[in-house]
Protein backbone atom coordinates (compact mmCIF):
# COMPACT_ATOMS: atom_id res chain seq x y z
CA MET A 1 84.36 55.73 46.76
CA THR A 2 85.12 53.09 49.47
CA GLU A 3 85.88 53.96 53.08
CA GLU A 4 89.49 53.24 52.70
CA GLU A 5 89.62 55.52 49.61
CA ALA A 6 87.97 58.34 51.51
CA PHE A 7 90.32 57.99 54.45
CA ALA A 8 93.29 57.98 52.06
CA LEU A 9 92.18 61.38 50.72
CA VAL A 10 91.86 62.84 54.10
CA GLU A 11 95.38 61.68 55.00
CA GLU A 12 96.75 63.14 51.80
CA ALA A 13 94.98 66.50 52.37
CA PHE A 14 96.41 66.86 55.87
CA GLU A 15 99.76 65.14 54.93
CA MET A 16 99.42 62.97 57.93
CA THR A 17 99.87 59.34 58.68
CA PRO A 18 96.92 57.38 60.15
CA ARG A 19 98.44 57.64 63.70
CA THR A 20 99.19 61.37 63.65
CA TRP A 21 95.78 62.13 62.13
CA ARG A 22 94.11 60.34 64.97
CA GLN A 23 96.31 62.10 67.51
CA PHE A 24 95.31 65.53 66.14
CA TYR A 25 91.62 64.90 65.91
CA GLN A 26 91.08 62.61 68.88
CA PRO A 27 91.53 63.37 72.60
CA LEU A 28 93.37 60.14 73.32
CA THR A 29 95.08 57.56 71.16
CA ILE A 30 94.39 53.81 71.61
CA ALA A 31 98.06 53.42 72.60
CA GLU A 32 97.72 55.95 75.40
CA ILE A 33 94.54 54.37 76.93
CA GLY A 34 96.07 50.82 76.50
CA ARG A 35 99.25 51.80 78.41
CA ALA A 36 97.29 53.52 81.24
CA GLN A 37 94.85 50.59 81.53
CA LYS A 38 97.75 48.34 82.68
CA ASN A 39 97.89 50.18 85.95
CA ASP A 40 94.19 51.06 86.35
CA LYS A 41 92.60 49.63 89.50
CA TYR A 42 89.15 49.35 87.90
CA VAL A 43 90.51 47.35 84.92
CA GLN A 44 92.39 45.07 87.38
CA THR A 45 89.25 44.49 89.49
CA LEU A 46 87.29 43.47 86.36
CA ARG A 47 89.92 41.06 85.30
CA GLN A 48 89.63 39.35 88.68
CA GLN A 49 85.90 39.50 89.34
CA ALA A 50 84.19 39.78 85.86
CA PRO A 51 86.64 38.68 83.11
CA ASP A 52 83.52 37.61 80.97
CA ARG A 53 82.60 41.30 80.68
CA LEU A 54 85.86 42.27 79.07
CA GLY A 55 86.74 42.58 75.40
CA GLU A 56 89.30 44.21 73.18
CA PHE A 57 89.22 47.10 70.74
CA PHE A 58 92.04 47.50 68.12
CA GLU A 59 93.32 50.65 66.56
CA ASP A 60 93.08 48.87 63.21
CA ILE A 61 89.42 48.25 63.42
CA GLY A 62 89.16 46.50 60.17
CA ARG A 63 91.73 43.90 60.65
CA LYS A 64 91.22 43.60 64.43
CA SER A 65 94.93 43.12 65.01
CA GLY A 66 97.99 45.08 65.86
CA PRO A 67 100.08 46.16 68.91
CA ASP A 68 97.76 48.94 69.88
CA ARG A 69 94.56 47.75 71.62
CA VAL A 70 92.39 48.63 74.59
CA ILE A 71 90.22 46.78 77.06
CA THR A 72 86.50 47.21 76.66
CA GLU A 73 83.58 46.50 79.01
CA THR A 74 80.23 45.00 78.02
CA ASP A 75 77.37 46.94 79.56
CA VAL A 76 75.12 44.67 81.62
CA VAL A 77 72.07 46.71 80.62
CA ASP A 78 72.34 47.45 76.88
CA GLY A 79 75.04 44.85 75.93
CA ASP A 80 77.19 47.60 74.21
CA HIS A 81 80.99 47.40 74.33
CA ARG A 82 82.71 50.56 75.50
CA ILE A 83 86.33 51.55 76.07
CA ILE A 84 87.35 51.63 79.66
CA VAL A 85 88.99 55.03 80.38
CA PRO A 86 91.56 54.75 83.17
CA ALA A 87 91.12 57.13 86.06
CA ALA A 88 94.36 58.95 85.07
CA LEU A 89 92.85 60.10 81.72
CA THR A 90 89.22 60.90 82.51
CA GLN A 91 89.77 64.55 83.23
CA ARG A 92 91.68 65.11 80.10
CA LEU A 93 89.03 63.32 77.89
CA MET A 94 86.18 65.38 79.50
CA GLU A 95 88.07 68.64 78.91
CA TRP A 96 88.84 67.88 75.31
CA TYR A 97 85.18 66.93 74.40
CA HIS A 98 83.62 69.80 76.51
CA THR A 99 85.87 72.35 74.81
CA THR A 100 85.70 70.91 71.32
CA LEU A 101 81.92 70.66 71.28
CA VAL A 102 81.55 74.19 72.58
CA HIS A 103 80.54 73.53 76.11
CA PRO A 104 77.53 71.18 76.03
CA GLY A 105 75.57 70.55 79.23
CA VAL A 106 75.80 67.59 81.53
CA ASN A 107 73.39 65.25 79.66
CA ARG A 108 74.62 66.04 76.24
CA LEU A 109 78.36 65.65 77.23
CA TYR A 110 77.57 62.39 79.03
CA ASN A 111 75.52 60.95 76.12
CA THR A 112 78.31 61.83 73.70
CA LEU A 113 81.16 60.25 75.83
CA ARG A 114 78.94 57.33 76.73
CA GLN A 115 78.58 56.17 73.17
CA HIS A 116 82.25 55.09 73.22
CA TYR A 117 83.68 55.19 76.77
CA THR A 118 82.93 54.11 80.29
CA TRP A 119 84.42 54.52 83.75
CA PRO A 120 83.16 54.35 87.32
CA LYS A 121 80.98 57.28 88.44
CA MET A 122 81.10 58.63 84.93
CA LEU A 123 77.98 60.95 85.24
CA GLU A 124 78.94 62.18 88.69
CA GLN A 125 82.39 63.24 87.48
CA ILE A 126 81.03 64.93 84.36
CA ARG A 127 78.44 66.89 86.56
CA THR A 128 81.19 68.06 88.89
CA TYR A 129 83.41 69.08 86.15
CA ILE A 130 80.69 71.20 84.18
CA ARG A 131 79.68 72.69 87.47
CA SER A 132 83.08 74.27 87.83
CA CYS A 133 83.77 75.17 84.17
CA HIS A 134 84.60 78.85 83.86
CA ALA A 135 82.95 79.51 80.57
CA CYS A 136 79.71 77.71 81.48
CA GLN A 137 79.34 79.64 84.75
CA LEU A 138 79.73 83.00 82.89
CA GLY A 139 77.44 81.95 80.04
CA LYS A 140 74.49 80.14 81.56
CA ARG A 141 71.35 81.98 82.26
CA GLY A 142 68.14 81.18 84.14
CA MET A 143 69.64 78.79 86.67
CA ARG A 144 68.18 78.23 90.19
CA GLY A 145 69.24 80.65 92.89
CA TYR A 146 71.56 79.73 95.66
CA GLY A 147 71.04 80.60 99.27
CA LYS A 148 67.73 80.79 101.08
CA ILE A 149 66.00 84.24 101.25
CA PRO A 150 65.35 85.44 104.87
CA LEU A 151 61.99 86.75 105.96
CA LYS A 152 61.40 90.50 105.51
CA ASP A 153 60.45 92.59 108.55
CA THR A 154 56.84 93.62 108.73
CA GLU A 155 56.37 97.40 109.13
CA THR A 156 52.93 98.65 110.06
CA GLU A 157 53.64 102.12 111.51
CA PRO A 158 52.81 104.88 109.00
CA TRP A 159 55.60 107.17 107.95
CA LYS A 160 58.27 105.01 109.71
CA ASP A 161 59.99 104.38 106.30
CA VAL A 162 59.55 106.82 103.35
CA ALA A 163 60.59 105.70 99.89
CA VAL A 164 60.80 108.16 96.90
CA ASP A 165 60.92 106.95 93.33
CA LEU A 166 62.41 109.32 90.67
CA SER A 167 62.06 109.14 86.97
CA GLY A 168 62.72 111.24 83.90
CA PRO A 169 63.39 113.59 82.22
CA TRP A 170 61.04 112.28 79.61
CA LYS A 171 60.72 113.08 76.00
CA ALA A 172 57.64 112.94 73.73
CA THR A 173 57.35 112.50 69.95
CA VAL A 174 55.04 114.97 68.05
CA ASP A 175 54.75 114.66 64.27
CA ASN A 176 57.55 112.12 64.27
CA LYS A 177 59.85 114.62 66.05
CA GLU A 178 61.21 114.03 69.44
CA ILE A 179 60.48 117.15 71.70
CA ALA A 180 61.48 117.67 75.35
CA THR A 181 58.25 117.75 77.42
CA LYS A 182 59.14 121.09 79.03
CA HIS A 183 58.47 122.77 75.60
CA LEU A 184 55.00 121.40 75.36
CA LYS A 185 51.93 123.36 76.50
CA GLU A 186 50.47 120.06 77.96
CA ASP A 187 52.79 117.49 79.49
CA PRO A 188 51.53 113.99 78.36
CA ILE A 189 54.15 112.21 80.57
CA LYS A 190 53.00 114.17 83.65
CA ASP A 191 49.38 113.33 82.92
CA LEU A 192 50.07 109.58 82.65
CA THR A 193 52.21 109.34 85.72
CA SER A 194 49.61 111.40 87.72
CA ALA A 195 46.80 108.95 86.65
CA ALA A 196 48.93 105.95 87.46
CA ALA A 197 49.85 107.38 90.98
CA TYR A 198 46.21 108.14 91.68
CA ALA A 199 45.16 104.62 90.70
CA MET A 200 47.76 103.05 93.00
CA ARG A 201 46.94 105.17 95.95
CA ALA A 202 43.15 104.69 95.65
CA THR A 203 43.13 100.89 94.88
CA VAL A 204 42.65 98.42 97.66
CA HIS A 205 45.65 96.18 98.25
CA GLY A 206 45.33 92.45 98.02
CA VAL A 207 47.17 91.74 101.35
CA THR A 208 46.19 94.76 103.55
CA LYS A 209 42.61 95.04 102.27
CA TYR A 210 43.09 98.87 102.46
CA SER A 211 44.23 101.35 99.86
CA PRO A 212 47.50 103.28 100.60
CA SER A 213 45.48 106.44 101.14
CA GLN A 214 43.28 104.81 103.71
CA LEU A 215 46.34 103.57 105.69
CA VAL A 216 48.27 106.75 105.52
CA TYR A 217 45.54 109.51 105.72
CA GLN A 218 42.68 107.40 107.22
CA ARG A 219 40.59 108.70 104.32
CA ASP A 220 39.08 107.16 101.10
CA MET A 221 40.24 109.10 98.04
CA ILE A 222 37.08 108.39 96.06
CA LEU A 223 34.17 108.82 98.63
CA ARG A 224 36.11 111.09 100.92
CA THR A 225 34.85 109.10 103.87
CA LYS A 226 36.83 108.44 107.06
CA MET A 227 38.59 105.03 107.18
CA GLU A 228 40.18 103.92 110.39
CA ALA A 229 42.42 101.01 109.46
CA ASP A 230 42.93 98.07 111.83
CA VAL A 231 46.65 98.21 112.06
CA GLU A 232 47.08 94.88 113.89
CA ARG A 233 45.09 93.03 111.27
CA VAL A 234 47.14 94.67 108.52
CA ARG A 235 50.32 93.41 110.35
CA GLN A 236 48.95 89.79 110.57
CA ARG A 237 47.90 89.74 106.92
CA ARG A 238 51.35 91.05 105.77
CA GLU A 239 53.20 88.54 107.99
CA ALA A 240 51.20 85.70 106.46
CA ALA A 241 51.74 86.95 102.99
CA ILE A 242 55.47 87.27 103.54
CA GLN A 243 55.67 83.74 104.96
CA VAL A 244 53.87 82.25 102.00
CA ASN A 245 55.86 84.14 99.43
CA ASN A 246 59.14 83.41 101.24
CA THR A 247 58.33 79.67 101.37
CA ARG A 248 57.41 79.55 97.67
CA GLU A 249 60.53 81.47 96.55
CA ASN A 250 62.95 79.33 98.73
CA ARG A 251 61.33 76.12 97.34
CA ARG A 252 62.92 76.95 94.01
CA ARG A 253 66.38 77.85 95.60
CA ILE A 254 69.37 75.71 96.50
CA ALA A 255 70.49 75.88 100.15
CA HIS A 256 74.00 77.50 100.11
CA ASN A 257 76.06 79.08 102.82
CA TYR A 258 78.03 82.04 101.55
CA LYS A 259 81.13 82.93 103.48
CA LYS A 260 84.06 85.39 103.47
CA GLY A 261 86.63 84.61 100.80
CA ASP A 262 84.15 82.79 98.44
CA HIS A 263 83.69 84.19 94.87
CA VAL A 264 80.30 85.05 93.12
CA LEU A 265 79.15 86.05 89.70
CA ILE A 266 76.53 88.84 89.23
CA LYS A 267 73.82 87.19 87.19
CA SER A 268 72.76 88.70 83.82
CA SER A 269 69.14 89.64 83.53
CA SER A 270 66.82 87.25 81.75
CA MET A 271 65.34 90.35 80.14
CA ASP A 272 68.65 91.66 78.86
CA PRO A 273 68.28 92.01 74.99
CA LYS A 274 72.03 91.95 74.56
CA MET A 275 72.16 88.42 76.03
CA GLN A 276 75.29 89.48 78.20
CA LEU A 277 77.17 87.01 80.15
CA ASN A 278 77.30 86.82 83.99
CA VAL A 279 79.99 89.15 85.33
CA GLY A 280 82.75 88.23 87.72
CA PRO A 281 84.03 86.43 89.68
CA PHE A 282 84.03 88.85 92.64
CA LYS A 283 85.32 88.05 96.17
CA VAL A 284 82.99 88.01 99.09
CA VAL A 285 84.02 90.27 101.88
CA SER A 286 81.16 89.58 104.20
CA PHE A 287 77.64 88.07 104.33
CA ASN A 288 74.66 89.20 106.35
CA LYS A 289 72.46 86.08 106.47
CA ALA A 290 69.65 87.94 108.28
CA SER A 291 69.17 90.38 105.38
CA GLY A 292 70.50 88.22 102.58
CA THR A 293 73.00 90.82 101.67
CA LEU A 294 76.60 90.07 100.38
CA HIS A 295 79.36 92.61 100.45
CA ILE A 296 81.62 92.06 97.41
CA GLN A 297 85.03 93.49 96.39
CA ARG A 298 84.34 95.12 93.07
CA ARG A 299 87.67 96.66 91.83
CA ASN A 300 88.54 99.34 94.36
CA TYR A 301 85.31 99.50 96.39
CA ILE A 302 82.94 97.35 98.39
CA GLU A 303 79.44 96.83 96.97
CA PRO A 304 76.42 95.44 98.82
CA ILE A 305 74.26 93.18 96.75
CA ASN A 306 71.33 90.85 97.48
CA ILE A 307 71.80 87.12 96.96
CA ARG A 308 69.04 87.15 94.38
CA LEU A 309 71.34 88.80 92.06
CA VAL A 310 74.33 86.58 92.35
CA ARG A 311 75.27 82.96 92.08
CA PRO A 312 78.23 81.13 93.48
CA TYR A 313 81.45 80.79 91.40
CA PHE A 314 82.80 77.29 91.73
CA GLY A 315 86.18 77.80 90.26
CA SER A 316 87.49 76.14 87.22
CA THR A 317 89.15 72.85 86.45
CA THR A 318 90.23 73.53 82.91
CA ARG A 319 93.84 74.77 82.21
CA TRP A 320 92.73 77.43 79.75
CA ALA A 321 90.18 78.91 82.21
CA ILE A 322 92.66 79.03 85.10
CA ALA A 323 95.06 81.08 83.03
CA GLU A 324 92.40 83.88 82.37
CA PRO A 325 92.00 86.89 84.52
CA LEU A 326 89.32 86.97 87.17
CA HIS A 327 86.99 89.27 85.16
CA ALA A 328 87.36 87.57 81.85
CA GLY A 329 84.37 86.48 79.76
CA GLY A 330 83.55 83.27 78.08
CA ASP A 331 81.26 81.42 75.80
CA CYS A 332 78.91 78.50 76.61
CA ARG A 333 76.04 76.77 74.90
CA GLY A 334 75.46 74.49 78.03
């Protein structure tokens, strides 16, 4: 079967003329691009300054003739001829490809468009467009954090802050039957947690160089000897460790200044087995830069949240995303 015969079968199946078939399956027609090129400043500049780089692309590729044609540009690097997309049509072209191809990332979308099209600052515009895509922002995971993390305060005074961790109730399985631990003569969960707690309290910390029991009770839990901790040295060691960790974490983060009225997404966990999407966007009510804490409007209440758990929402430039409610989801393969 020849190419013309195959194309005729497709036309017959869809009961379309060649022109309407192209309009349905292509983002822009040759006629549309050609008309817009007549008023495009970049095309006019090339006509004046580099006419030798210009060529023509006809809708009827085989015959290379007909009224519908577009101007192409010869790339100075690879020598390929690409259709020049007028500025008035670039947004529509990107939206069509990005949506039709199920939200590819910047490089994949650029490489796909670059096979056939070209326009000034093409990669930059694609990057800006995808950055603000509603579905991509909801669906992408594992992205770099935004906003620098402030240094934590160094506490050295024992008992100034008290934290309590609660867990349970636990259940145990005996003979393949799940039984509440309170019905057992010996509680295996209690034994395990007690052993873990003892280990943490008696083990020397890598930063302070003392065990928690030595810092709090001035006693060693194993030898029962008296241990008088050097609190000032502990403070210096902790400050140094905090500075190192803070510098390392912020090296991987993007500088960003949150402000009232911004919108953020709550990031899904990388360990989430359900692969849920990011949640939001939510409006920022206030931002405490000193603590790295945002207060966001979440339905009918205000919620404090650390900037580690969120990412900025940059809005959406697509028509379909703008029409969606603020808390709608989306899909993305970006």
